[in-house]
Amino acid sequence: MPRGEWYRTVISSKGQVVIPKPVREALGLKPGTVLKVRVEGRRVILEPASEPPEEIFVQAGSTVTGPIVEEAKKLSDKAKRLLEDLGARLG
């Protein structure tokens, strides 16, 4: 795709815009790519939102998540008792 070349597209009745294939290919845009949108004067700027790389995520089993969930439940129970002690009516 030559730099600076213009393409035309139409906004659908649902507000959708098709990004022309040469542009998608040049930028590596795939279905599901998240885009940021901003307005600059009378221009609409679309750019890929940077997402964290998959390698930063880890798989956590119940040995990791179990204690965290249990602690959250205890804190929730404490908060509920405190609210009840203060006279709050809880569902």
Foldseek 3Di string as FASTA:
>chain_A
DDPPDDDDWDQDPVRDTDDDPVVCVVQVPDPPFDWDWDDDPPDIDIDTDDDDDPVVDDDDDCVVVVVVVVVVVVVVVVVVVVCVVVPDDDD
